[in-house]
N, C-alpha and C. Protein backbone atom coordinates (compact mmCIF):
# COMPACT_ATOMS: atom_id res chain seq x y z
N MET A 1 -17.69 12.83 -15.04
CA MET A 1 -17.17 12.87 -13.68
C MET A 1 -17.02 11.44 -13.16
N ALA A 2 -15.88 11.16 -12.51
CA ALA A 2 -15.68 9.84 -11.94
C ALA A 2 -16.57 9.66 -10.73
N THR A 3 -17.07 8.46 -10.55
CA THR A 3 -17.85 8.13 -9.37
C THR A 3 -17.22 6.94 -8.69
N ARG A 4 -17.53 6.80 -7.42
CA ARG A 4 -16.97 5.68 -6.67
C ARG A 4 -17.55 4.38 -7.19
N ASN A 5 -16.71 3.41 -7.41
CA ASN A 5 -17.13 2.08 -7.79
C ASN A 5 -17.87 1.48 -6.60
N SER A 6 -19.20 1.21 -6.76
CA SER A 6 -19.99 0.76 -5.62
C SER A 6 -19.48 -0.56 -5.06
N ALA A 7 -18.88 -1.39 -5.93
CA ALA A 7 -18.33 -2.65 -5.46
C ALA A 7 -16.95 -2.45 -4.82
N ARG A 8 -16.32 -1.35 -5.11
CA ARG A 8 -14.98 -1.01 -4.61
C ARG A 8 -14.00 -2.15 -4.89
N LYS A 9 -14.05 -2.63 -6.11
CA LYS A 9 -13.11 -3.64 -6.61
C LYS A 9 -12.44 -3.09 -7.86
N ALA A 10 -11.24 -3.56 -8.12
CA ALA A 10 -10.56 -3.14 -9.34
C ALA A 10 -9.53 -4.19 -9.73
N ARG A 11 -9.28 -4.26 -11.03
CA ARG A 11 -8.21 -5.12 -11.55
C ARG A 11 -7.33 -4.29 -12.47
N ILE A 12 -6.04 -4.43 -12.31
CA ILE A 12 -5.06 -3.70 -13.10
C ILE A 12 -4.05 -4.69 -13.67
N THR A 13 -3.67 -4.51 -14.93
CA THR A 13 -2.53 -5.23 -15.48
C THR A 13 -1.50 -4.20 -15.93
N ARG A 14 -0.26 -4.50 -15.67
CA ARG A 14 0.84 -3.61 -16.04
C ARG A 14 1.94 -4.44 -16.69
N ASN A 15 2.19 -4.19 -17.96
CA ASN A 15 3.18 -4.96 -18.71
C ASN A 15 4.24 -4.01 -19.27
N THR A 16 5.48 -4.27 -18.90
CA THR A 16 6.61 -3.50 -19.44
C THR A 16 7.68 -4.49 -19.89
N ASN A 17 8.78 -3.97 -20.40
CA ASN A 17 9.89 -4.85 -20.78
C ASN A 17 10.57 -5.48 -19.57
N GLU A 18 10.26 -4.95 -18.38
CA GLU A 18 10.90 -5.44 -17.16
C GLU A 18 10.00 -6.32 -16.31
N THR A 19 8.69 -6.05 -16.33
CA THR A 19 7.76 -6.79 -15.48
C THR A 19 6.42 -6.99 -16.16
N GLN A 20 5.73 -8.05 -15.75
CA GLN A 20 4.34 -8.29 -16.13
C GLN A 20 3.59 -8.54 -14.83
N ILE A 21 2.63 -7.66 -14.55
CA ILE A 21 1.99 -7.66 -13.23
C ILE A 21 0.48 -7.61 -13.38
N SER A 22 -0.21 -8.39 -12.56
CA SER A 22 -1.67 -8.35 -12.46
C SER A 22 -2.04 -8.15 -11.00
N VAL A 23 -2.93 -7.19 -10.75
CA VAL A 23 -3.38 -6.89 -9.39
C VAL A 23 -4.89 -6.81 -9.37
N MET A 24 -5.52 -7.50 -8.42
CA MET A 24 -6.94 -7.36 -8.14
C MET A 24 -7.07 -6.99 -6.69
N VAL A 25 -7.90 -5.98 -6.40
CA VAL A 25 -8.18 -5.62 -5.02
C VAL A 25 -9.68 -5.51 -4.81
N ASP A 26 -10.10 -5.87 -3.60
CA ASP A 26 -11.46 -5.63 -3.12
C ASP A 26 -11.30 -4.91 -1.79
N VAL A 27 -11.56 -3.61 -1.81
CA VAL A 27 -11.35 -2.78 -0.62
C VAL A 27 -12.26 -3.21 0.53
N ASP A 28 -13.41 -3.78 0.20
CA ASP A 28 -14.36 -4.23 1.22
C ASP A 28 -14.30 -5.74 1.40
N GLY A 29 -13.09 -6.28 1.37
CA GLY A 29 -12.90 -7.72 1.44
C GLY A 29 -12.80 -8.23 2.87
N GLU A 30 -12.14 -9.37 3.00
CA GLU A 30 -12.00 -10.04 4.29
C GLU A 30 -10.53 -10.24 4.67
N GLY A 31 -9.63 -9.63 3.92
CA GLY A 31 -8.21 -9.77 4.24
C GLY A 31 -7.56 -10.98 3.62
N ARG A 32 -8.17 -11.51 2.56
CA ARG A 32 -7.60 -12.69 1.90
C ARG A 32 -6.58 -12.26 0.86
N ALA A 33 -5.52 -13.03 0.73
CA ALA A 33 -4.46 -12.68 -0.21
C ALA A 33 -3.97 -13.90 -0.97
N GLN A 34 -3.85 -13.74 -2.28
CA GLN A 34 -3.18 -14.71 -3.14
C GLN A 34 -2.03 -13.96 -3.80
N LEU A 35 -0.82 -14.30 -3.43
CA LEU A 35 0.34 -13.49 -3.78
C LEU A 35 1.43 -14.36 -4.40
N SER A 36 1.92 -13.93 -5.55
CA SER A 36 3.02 -14.63 -6.21
C SER A 36 3.82 -13.62 -7.02
N THR A 37 4.72 -12.91 -6.33
CA THR A 37 5.51 -11.88 -7.00
C THR A 37 6.90 -12.36 -7.41
N GLY A 38 7.29 -13.54 -6.94
CA GLY A 38 8.65 -14.00 -7.16
C GLY A 38 9.63 -13.47 -6.13
N VAL A 39 9.13 -12.61 -5.22
CA VAL A 39 9.97 -12.05 -4.15
C VAL A 39 9.30 -12.45 -2.84
N PRO A 40 9.73 -13.54 -2.21
CA PRO A 40 9.01 -14.07 -1.05
C PRO A 40 8.80 -13.07 0.09
N PHE A 41 9.79 -12.25 0.38
CA PHE A 41 9.63 -11.30 1.47
C PHE A 41 8.57 -10.25 1.12
N LEU A 42 8.51 -9.83 -0.14
CA LEU A 42 7.47 -8.90 -0.57
C LEU A 42 6.10 -9.54 -0.41
N ASP A 43 5.96 -10.81 -0.77
CA ASP A 43 4.69 -11.51 -0.57
C ASP A 43 4.29 -11.48 0.91
N HIS A 44 5.26 -11.71 1.78
CA HIS A 44 5.00 -11.71 3.22
C HIS A 44 4.51 -10.33 3.68
N MET A 45 5.12 -9.27 3.16
CA MET A 45 4.71 -7.92 3.55
C MET A 45 3.34 -7.57 2.97
N LEU A 46 3.08 -7.94 1.74
CA LEU A 46 1.76 -7.68 1.13
C LEU A 46 0.66 -8.43 1.87
N ASP A 47 0.98 -9.60 2.38
CA ASP A 47 0.00 -10.36 3.16
C ASP A 47 -0.37 -9.58 4.42
N GLN A 48 0.60 -8.88 5.00
CA GLN A 48 0.30 -8.05 6.18
C GLN A 48 -0.67 -6.92 5.81
N VAL A 49 -0.46 -6.30 4.66
CA VAL A 49 -1.34 -5.22 4.22
C VAL A 49 -2.76 -5.75 4.02
N ALA A 50 -2.87 -6.89 3.37
CA ALA A 50 -4.20 -7.47 3.14
C ALA A 50 -4.90 -7.81 4.45
N ARG A 51 -4.19 -8.49 5.34
CA ARG A 51 -4.80 -8.95 6.59
C ARG A 51 -5.20 -7.78 7.48
N HIS A 52 -4.29 -6.83 7.64
CA HIS A 52 -4.54 -5.74 8.58
C HIS A 52 -5.36 -4.61 7.95
N GLY A 53 -5.35 -4.54 6.62
CA GLY A 53 -6.22 -3.58 5.94
C GLY A 53 -7.58 -4.15 5.63
N VAL A 54 -7.76 -5.46 5.85
CA VAL A 54 -8.99 -6.19 5.51
C VAL A 54 -9.35 -5.90 4.03
N ILE A 55 -8.33 -6.04 3.19
CA ILE A 55 -8.46 -5.86 1.75
C ILE A 55 -8.13 -7.19 1.08
N ASP A 56 -9.01 -7.68 0.23
CA ASP A 56 -8.69 -8.87 -0.55
C ASP A 56 -7.75 -8.47 -1.68
N MET A 57 -6.70 -9.27 -1.89
CA MET A 57 -5.72 -8.98 -2.93
C MET A 57 -5.35 -10.25 -3.67
N GLU A 58 -5.24 -10.12 -4.99
CA GLU A 58 -4.61 -11.14 -5.81
C GLU A 58 -3.54 -10.42 -6.62
N ILE A 59 -2.29 -10.80 -6.40
CA ILE A 59 -1.18 -10.14 -7.08
C ILE A 59 -0.23 -11.19 -7.64
N THR A 60 -0.01 -11.12 -8.94
CA THR A 60 1.00 -11.97 -9.58
C THR A 60 1.97 -11.07 -10.33
N ALA A 61 3.23 -11.46 -10.30
CA ALA A 61 4.24 -10.67 -10.99
C ALA A 61 5.33 -11.58 -11.54
N LYS A 62 5.76 -11.26 -12.74
CA LYS A 62 6.94 -11.88 -13.33
C LYS A 62 7.87 -10.75 -13.72
N GLY A 63 9.04 -10.75 -13.11
CA GLY A 63 9.96 -9.66 -13.35
C GLY A 63 11.37 -10.14 -13.64
N ASP A 64 12.24 -9.19 -13.93
CA ASP A 64 13.63 -9.51 -14.29
C ASP A 64 14.46 -9.75 -13.02
N LEU A 65 14.07 -10.78 -12.30
CA LEU A 65 14.74 -11.09 -11.02
C LEU A 65 16.16 -11.60 -11.22
N HIS A 66 16.52 -11.94 -12.44
CA HIS A 66 17.91 -12.32 -12.72
C HIS A 66 18.84 -11.12 -12.58
N ILE A 67 18.24 -9.92 -12.67
CA ILE A 67 19.02 -8.70 -12.43
C ILE A 67 18.98 -8.38 -10.95
N ASP A 68 17.81 -8.04 -10.43
CA ASP A 68 17.56 -7.91 -9.00
C ASP A 68 16.06 -7.70 -8.83
N ALA A 69 15.62 -7.43 -7.62
CA ALA A 69 14.18 -7.33 -7.35
C ALA A 69 13.64 -5.92 -7.51
N HIS A 70 14.49 -4.97 -7.87
CA HIS A 70 14.08 -3.57 -7.88
C HIS A 70 12.85 -3.31 -8.74
N HIS A 71 12.89 -3.70 -9.99
CA HIS A 71 11.78 -3.40 -10.91
C HIS A 71 10.50 -4.09 -10.46
N THR A 72 10.61 -5.31 -9.98
CA THR A 72 9.42 -6.04 -9.54
C THR A 72 8.77 -5.36 -8.35
N VAL A 73 9.56 -5.02 -7.35
CA VAL A 73 9.00 -4.41 -6.13
C VAL A 73 8.39 -3.05 -6.46
N GLU A 74 9.11 -2.23 -7.21
CA GLU A 74 8.60 -0.91 -7.57
C GLU A 74 7.31 -1.01 -8.39
N ASP A 75 7.30 -1.90 -9.37
CA ASP A 75 6.15 -1.99 -10.25
C ASP A 75 4.93 -2.61 -9.57
N VAL A 76 5.15 -3.48 -8.60
CA VAL A 76 4.03 -3.97 -7.80
C VAL A 76 3.43 -2.82 -7.01
N GLY A 77 4.27 -1.95 -6.45
CA GLY A 77 3.77 -0.77 -5.75
C GLY A 77 2.96 0.12 -6.68
N ILE A 78 3.45 0.33 -7.90
CA ILE A 78 2.74 1.14 -8.88
C ILE A 78 1.38 0.54 -9.19
N ALA A 79 1.36 -0.76 -9.51
CA ALA A 79 0.11 -1.41 -9.91
C ALA A 79 -0.89 -1.48 -8.76
N LEU A 80 -0.40 -1.70 -7.53
CA LEU A 80 -1.29 -1.70 -6.38
C LEU A 80 -1.88 -0.31 -6.17
N GLY A 81 -1.07 0.73 -6.33
CA GLY A 81 -1.58 2.09 -6.22
C GLY A 81 -2.65 2.37 -7.26
N GLN A 82 -2.43 1.94 -8.49
CA GLN A 82 -3.42 2.13 -9.55
C GLN A 82 -4.72 1.40 -9.21
N ALA A 83 -4.60 0.20 -8.69
CA ALA A 83 -5.79 -0.60 -8.38
C ALA A 83 -6.59 0.03 -7.24
N ILE A 84 -5.91 0.48 -6.19
CA ILE A 84 -6.61 1.12 -5.08
C ILE A 84 -7.31 2.39 -5.57
N ALA A 85 -6.62 3.19 -6.37
CA ALA A 85 -7.22 4.43 -6.88
C ALA A 85 -8.46 4.13 -7.71
N LYS A 86 -8.39 3.11 -8.55
CA LYS A 86 -9.53 2.75 -9.39
C LYS A 86 -10.69 2.24 -8.54
N ALA A 87 -10.36 1.47 -7.50
CA ALA A 87 -11.42 0.89 -6.65
C ALA A 87 -12.19 1.95 -5.88
N VAL A 88 -11.52 3.01 -5.44
CA VAL A 88 -12.21 4.03 -4.62
C VAL A 88 -12.78 5.17 -5.45
N GLY A 89 -12.43 5.24 -6.73
CA GLY A 89 -13.03 6.23 -7.62
C GLY A 89 -12.83 7.65 -7.14
N ASP A 90 -13.92 8.43 -7.04
CA ASP A 90 -13.79 9.84 -6.64
C ASP A 90 -13.72 10.04 -5.13
N LYS A 91 -13.69 8.94 -4.39
CA LYS A 91 -13.51 8.95 -2.92
C LYS A 91 -14.72 9.48 -2.17
N ARG A 92 -15.83 9.50 -2.84
CA ARG A 92 -17.06 9.99 -2.22
C ARG A 92 -17.43 9.12 -1.01
N GLY A 93 -17.64 9.77 0.14
CA GLY A 93 -18.13 9.08 1.32
C GLY A 93 -17.11 8.33 2.13
N ILE A 94 -15.80 8.49 1.82
CA ILE A 94 -14.79 7.80 2.63
C ILE A 94 -14.30 8.72 3.75
N VAL A 95 -13.67 8.13 4.76
CA VAL A 95 -13.09 8.92 5.85
C VAL A 95 -11.98 9.82 5.31
N ARG A 96 -11.21 9.35 4.38
CA ARG A 96 -10.11 10.04 3.70
C ARG A 96 -8.78 9.92 4.43
N TYR A 97 -8.75 10.18 5.72
CA TYR A 97 -7.51 10.14 6.50
C TYR A 97 -7.44 8.84 7.31
N GLY A 98 -6.24 8.29 7.42
CA GLY A 98 -6.06 7.12 8.26
C GLY A 98 -4.69 7.14 8.91
N HIS A 99 -4.59 6.56 10.10
CA HIS A 99 -3.31 6.51 10.78
C HIS A 99 -3.25 5.26 11.64
N ALA A 100 -2.04 4.82 11.91
CA ALA A 100 -1.87 3.65 12.79
C ALA A 100 -0.47 3.64 13.37
N TYR A 101 -0.38 3.23 14.63
CA TYR A 101 0.87 2.85 15.27
C TYR A 101 0.83 1.34 15.43
N VAL A 102 1.90 0.66 15.01
CA VAL A 102 1.95 -0.79 15.17
C VAL A 102 3.29 -1.20 15.76
N PRO A 103 3.28 -1.96 16.87
CA PRO A 103 4.51 -2.48 17.45
C PRO A 103 4.73 -3.95 17.04
N LEU A 104 5.95 -4.36 17.07
CA LEU A 104 6.30 -5.78 17.00
C LEU A 104 7.55 -5.94 17.84
N ASP A 105 7.37 -6.49 19.04
CA ASP A 105 8.47 -6.60 19.99
C ASP A 105 9.12 -5.22 20.19
N GLU A 106 10.38 -5.06 19.83
CA GLU A 106 11.08 -3.80 20.09
C GLU A 106 10.81 -2.73 19.03
N ALA A 107 10.21 -3.12 17.92
CA ALA A 107 10.01 -2.19 16.80
C ALA A 107 8.65 -1.51 16.89
N LEU A 108 8.60 -0.26 16.45
CA LEU A 108 7.36 0.51 16.45
C LEU A 108 7.37 1.44 15.24
N SER A 109 6.28 1.40 14.46
CA SER A 109 6.15 2.28 13.30
C SER A 109 4.82 3.00 13.32
N ARG A 110 4.85 4.18 12.71
CA ARG A 110 3.65 5.00 12.54
C ARG A 110 3.48 5.30 11.04
N VAL A 111 2.24 5.09 10.56
CA VAL A 111 1.92 5.42 9.17
C VAL A 111 0.66 6.27 9.15
N VAL A 112 0.70 7.35 8.40
CA VAL A 112 -0.44 8.25 8.24
C VAL A 112 -0.68 8.45 6.75
N VAL A 113 -1.95 8.31 6.31
CA VAL A 113 -2.28 8.43 4.90
C VAL A 113 -3.43 9.41 4.71
N ASP A 114 -3.36 10.13 3.61
CA ASP A 114 -4.42 11.06 3.21
C ASP A 114 -4.71 10.81 1.74
N PHE A 115 -5.95 10.42 1.43
CA PHE A 115 -6.35 10.23 0.03
C PHE A 115 -6.66 11.61 -0.56
N SER A 116 -5.59 12.36 -0.72
CA SER A 116 -5.67 13.79 -1.03
C SER A 116 -5.81 14.09 -2.52
N GLY A 117 -5.49 13.10 -3.36
CA GLY A 117 -5.42 13.36 -4.79
C GLY A 117 -4.07 13.93 -5.22
N ARG A 118 -3.13 14.02 -4.26
CA ARG A 118 -1.80 14.55 -4.54
C ARG A 118 -0.76 13.56 -4.04
N PRO A 119 0.22 13.20 -4.87
CA PRO A 119 1.25 12.27 -4.42
C PRO A 119 2.28 12.95 -3.53
N GLY A 120 2.55 12.36 -2.38
CA GLY A 120 3.59 12.88 -1.50
C GLY A 120 4.03 11.80 -0.53
N LEU A 121 5.32 11.56 -0.44
CA LEU A 121 5.85 10.56 0.47
C LEU A 121 6.87 11.19 1.40
N GLU A 122 6.62 11.08 2.70
CA GLU A 122 7.61 11.43 3.72
C GLU A 122 8.00 10.13 4.40
N TYR A 123 9.26 9.74 4.22
CA TYR A 123 9.71 8.40 4.60
C TYR A 123 10.91 8.54 5.53
N ARG A 124 10.72 8.24 6.80
CA ARG A 124 11.79 8.36 7.78
C ARG A 124 12.02 7.00 8.43
N VAL A 125 12.86 6.23 7.78
CA VAL A 125 13.16 4.87 8.22
C VAL A 125 14.66 4.64 8.10
N LYS A 126 15.28 4.26 9.20
CA LYS A 126 16.68 3.89 9.18
C LYS A 126 16.79 2.43 9.60
N PHE A 127 16.97 1.58 8.62
CA PHE A 127 17.06 0.15 8.90
C PHE A 127 18.40 -0.17 9.55
N VAL A 128 18.37 -1.15 10.44
CA VAL A 128 19.58 -1.50 11.18
C VAL A 128 20.52 -2.37 10.36
N ARG A 129 20.02 -2.94 9.27
CA ARG A 129 20.91 -3.67 8.36
C ARG A 129 20.32 -3.58 6.96
N PRO A 130 21.13 -3.80 5.93
CA PRO A 130 20.67 -3.56 4.55
C PRO A 130 19.85 -4.68 3.94
N LEU A 131 19.89 -5.87 4.53
CA LEU A 131 19.18 -7.00 3.95
C LEU A 131 18.33 -7.70 5.00
N VAL A 132 17.16 -8.18 4.57
CA VAL A 132 16.38 -9.14 5.35
C VAL A 132 16.39 -10.42 4.52
N GLY A 133 17.19 -11.39 4.92
CA GLY A 133 17.43 -12.52 4.04
C GLY A 133 18.12 -12.01 2.79
N GLU A 134 17.49 -12.19 1.63
CA GLU A 134 18.04 -11.69 0.37
C GLU A 134 17.34 -10.41 -0.08
N PHE A 135 16.43 -9.88 0.73
CA PHE A 135 15.65 -8.71 0.34
C PHE A 135 16.39 -7.44 0.72
N ASP A 136 16.60 -6.56 -0.26
CA ASP A 136 17.26 -5.28 -0.05
C ASP A 136 16.25 -4.30 0.53
N VAL A 137 16.50 -3.82 1.75
CA VAL A 137 15.51 -2.96 2.41
C VAL A 137 15.35 -1.61 1.73
N ASP A 138 16.30 -1.20 0.87
CA ASP A 138 16.10 0.03 0.08
C ASP A 138 14.83 -0.05 -0.77
N LEU A 139 14.41 -1.26 -1.11
CA LEU A 139 13.25 -1.43 -1.98
C LEU A 139 11.93 -1.13 -1.28
N VAL A 140 11.94 -1.06 0.05
CA VAL A 140 10.72 -0.66 0.76
C VAL A 140 10.34 0.75 0.34
N HIS A 141 11.32 1.63 0.28
CA HIS A 141 11.05 3.00 -0.17
C HIS A 141 10.54 3.01 -1.61
N GLU A 142 11.14 2.21 -2.47
CA GLU A 142 10.72 2.18 -3.88
C GLU A 142 9.29 1.69 -4.03
N PHE A 143 8.91 0.71 -3.22
CA PHE A 143 7.52 0.21 -3.24
C PHE A 143 6.55 1.33 -2.89
N PHE A 144 6.82 2.02 -1.79
CA PHE A 144 5.89 3.05 -1.34
C PHE A 144 5.90 4.28 -2.26
N GLN A 145 7.06 4.60 -2.85
CA GLN A 145 7.07 5.71 -3.80
C GLN A 145 6.22 5.39 -5.02
N GLY A 146 6.32 4.16 -5.51
CA GLY A 146 5.47 3.76 -6.63
C GLY A 146 4.00 3.79 -6.27
N PHE A 147 3.67 3.31 -5.08
CA PHE A 147 2.28 3.32 -4.63
C PHE A 147 1.74 4.74 -4.54
N VAL A 148 2.48 5.61 -3.88
CA VAL A 148 2.05 7.00 -3.67
C VAL A 148 1.82 7.71 -5.00
N ASN A 149 2.75 7.55 -5.93
CA ASN A 149 2.66 8.25 -7.21
C ASN A 149 1.40 7.88 -7.98
N HIS A 150 0.95 6.64 -7.84
CA HIS A 150 -0.15 6.16 -8.67
C HIS A 150 -1.47 6.04 -7.92
N ALA A 151 -1.43 5.96 -6.59
CA ALA A 151 -2.66 6.04 -5.81
C ALA A 151 -3.06 7.50 -5.57
N GLN A 152 -2.10 8.41 -5.80
CA GLN A 152 -2.33 9.84 -5.58
C GLN A 152 -2.71 10.12 -4.12
N VAL A 153 -1.85 9.65 -3.23
CA VAL A 153 -2.07 9.85 -1.80
C VAL A 153 -0.85 10.53 -1.19
N THR A 154 -1.08 11.17 -0.05
CA THR A 154 0.01 11.64 0.80
C THR A 154 0.25 10.57 1.86
N LEU A 155 1.51 10.17 2.04
CA LEU A 155 1.82 9.08 2.95
C LEU A 155 3.03 9.45 3.79
N HIS A 156 2.87 9.37 5.11
CA HIS A 156 3.97 9.60 6.05
C HIS A 156 4.29 8.27 6.73
N ILE A 157 5.54 7.87 6.64
CA ILE A 157 5.99 6.60 7.24
C ILE A 157 7.16 6.91 8.16
N ASP A 158 7.01 6.54 9.42
CA ASP A 158 8.07 6.75 10.41
C ASP A 158 8.29 5.45 11.18
N ASN A 159 9.51 4.94 11.12
CA ASN A 159 9.88 3.87 12.04
C ASN A 159 10.48 4.53 13.27
N LEU A 160 9.81 4.41 14.39
CA LEU A 160 10.18 5.13 15.60
C LEU A 160 11.23 4.39 16.43
N HIS A 161 11.18 3.05 16.38
CA HIS A 161 12.15 2.22 17.10
C HIS A 161 12.33 0.94 16.31
N GLY A 162 13.46 0.29 16.54
CA GLY A 162 13.66 -1.02 15.95
C GLY A 162 15.11 -1.44 15.96
N ASP A 163 15.35 -2.66 16.41
CA ASP A 163 16.69 -3.24 16.41
C ASP A 163 16.79 -4.43 15.46
N ASN A 164 15.68 -4.78 14.83
CA ASN A 164 15.61 -5.94 13.94
C ASN A 164 14.96 -5.48 12.64
N ALA A 165 15.66 -5.61 11.52
CA ALA A 165 15.16 -5.08 10.25
C ALA A 165 13.87 -5.75 9.80
N HIS A 166 13.72 -7.04 10.07
CA HIS A 166 12.47 -7.72 9.73
C HIS A 166 11.31 -7.11 10.51
N HIS A 167 11.52 -6.90 11.79
CA HIS A 167 10.47 -6.28 12.62
C HIS A 167 10.16 -4.86 12.14
N GLN A 168 11.20 -4.11 11.79
CA GLN A 168 10.97 -2.76 11.28
C GLN A 168 10.06 -2.79 10.04
N CYS A 169 10.41 -3.65 9.09
CA CYS A 169 9.61 -3.78 7.87
C CYS A 169 8.18 -4.18 8.18
N GLU A 170 8.04 -5.17 9.03
CA GLU A 170 6.71 -5.71 9.28
C GLU A 170 5.81 -4.69 9.97
N THR A 171 6.37 -3.92 10.90
CA THR A 171 5.54 -2.90 11.54
C THR A 171 5.11 -1.83 10.54
N ILE A 172 5.97 -1.50 9.59
CA ILE A 172 5.61 -0.51 8.57
C ILE A 172 4.45 -1.01 7.72
N PHE A 173 4.54 -2.22 7.24
CA PHE A 173 3.49 -2.74 6.35
C PHE A 173 2.18 -3.01 7.09
N LYS A 174 2.28 -3.47 8.32
CA LYS A 174 1.07 -3.65 9.12
C LYS A 174 0.39 -2.31 9.38
N ALA A 175 1.18 -1.30 9.76
CA ALA A 175 0.61 0.02 10.02
C ALA A 175 0.03 0.62 8.74
N PHE A 176 0.67 0.38 7.61
CA PHE A 176 0.15 0.84 6.33
C PHE A 176 -1.22 0.22 6.07
N GLY A 177 -1.36 -1.08 6.30
CA GLY A 177 -2.65 -1.73 6.12
C GLY A 177 -3.71 -1.15 7.03
N ARG A 178 -3.36 -0.94 8.29
CA ARG A 178 -4.33 -0.37 9.24
C ARG A 178 -4.72 1.05 8.86
N ALA A 179 -3.76 1.84 8.40
CA ALA A 179 -4.07 3.21 8.00
C ALA A 179 -4.98 3.23 6.78
N LEU A 180 -4.73 2.34 5.81
CA LEU A 180 -5.62 2.23 4.65
C LEU A 180 -7.03 1.86 5.09
N ARG A 181 -7.11 0.91 6.00
CA ARG A 181 -8.42 0.46 6.49
C ARG A 181 -9.23 1.61 7.07
N MET A 182 -8.58 2.46 7.85
CA MET A 182 -9.26 3.60 8.44
C MET A 182 -9.66 4.62 7.37
N ALA A 183 -8.73 4.95 6.48
CA ALA A 183 -8.98 6.00 5.49
C ALA A 183 -10.08 5.62 4.50
N LEU A 184 -10.16 4.34 4.15
CA LEU A 184 -11.10 3.91 3.12
C LEU A 184 -12.45 3.49 3.68
N ALA A 185 -12.59 3.52 5.01
CA ALA A 185 -13.88 3.16 5.61
C ALA A 185 -14.94 4.19 5.24
N PRO A 186 -16.19 3.77 5.08
CA PRO A 186 -17.27 4.74 4.83
C PRO A 186 -17.47 5.64 6.04
N ASP A 187 -17.62 6.92 5.80
CA ASP A 187 -17.93 7.88 6.85
C ASP A 187 -19.43 8.13 6.81
N LEU A 188 -20.15 7.55 7.74
CA LEU A 188 -21.62 7.59 7.71
C LEU A 188 -22.17 9.01 7.83
N ARG A 189 -21.38 9.93 8.39
CA ARG A 189 -21.86 11.30 8.55
C ARG A 189 -21.77 12.11 7.26
N VAL A 190 -20.92 11.65 6.33
CA VAL A 190 -20.79 12.39 5.06
C VAL A 190 -21.00 11.46 3.86
N LEU A 191 -21.75 10.40 4.08
CA LEU A 191 -21.95 9.41 3.03
C LEU A 191 -22.51 10.07 1.78
N GLY A 192 -21.88 9.80 0.66
CA GLY A 192 -22.30 10.39 -0.60
C GLY A 192 -21.64 11.70 -0.92
N LYS A 193 -20.84 12.23 0.02
CA LYS A 193 -20.17 13.50 -0.21
C LYS A 193 -18.66 13.27 -0.34
N ILE A 194 -18.02 14.16 -1.06
CA ILE A 194 -16.57 14.12 -1.19
C ILE A 194 -15.96 14.84 0.00
N PRO A 195 -15.05 14.20 0.73
CA PRO A 195 -14.52 14.78 1.98
C PRO A 195 -13.48 15.85 1.73
N SER A 196 -13.89 16.95 1.12
CA SER A 196 -12.99 18.06 0.87
C SER A 196 -13.80 19.33 0.65
N THR A 197 -13.30 20.45 1.15
CA THR A 197 -13.98 21.73 0.91
C THR A 197 -13.89 22.13 -0.56
N LYS A 198 -12.96 21.52 -1.31
CA LYS A 198 -12.83 21.81 -2.73
C LYS A 198 -13.98 21.19 -3.53
N GLY A 199 -14.56 20.11 -2.98
CA GLY A 199 -15.59 19.39 -3.72
C GLY A 199 -15.04 18.34 -4.64
N ALA A 200 -13.73 18.16 -4.62
CA ALA A 200 -13.08 17.13 -5.46
C ALA A 200 -11.74 16.78 -4.84
N LEU A 201 -11.35 15.51 -5.04
CA LEU A 201 -10.04 15.05 -4.58
C LEU A 201 -9.34 14.34 -5.74
């Protein structure tokens, strides 16, 4: 039977013909991030997750950026999902559910997460333009789909308002970090127990 890693740290390496990725996470960290994915805007968004989730992260990626950023962004999401899942183990004693609303000027996003053991993504985001600098905003969905599939979580992402695509993205990633922070916090009332009537997640 899997047990929660008492240190709540994990390291994952993922090597394919398209990308080579290393991810380290400390769920009980201080929000420190060392990020080098080759996609500057992705690094900026991951820094928001680390800071607002209070999760230490070290992520390096080398991908086929001569084609585009798709494989790199998706595979970073996959590897981060694997690392979070490994760090929390059987999820014993965690809150399990987390949610956050985060504004940035005119933009507002809501993210809700359930460490359910089942992958599910509900993604309702209409970006006002297709690019933020050189970053294709379609890849935000690919990142979260990769994360959800491998972290085995249910994730609802809603951008409620926004006239600036950068602000829309940033509120999503900040809210995601805050929701993770809530869901992964120890629940002192059920410490040592799995937060499910099934007895497993």
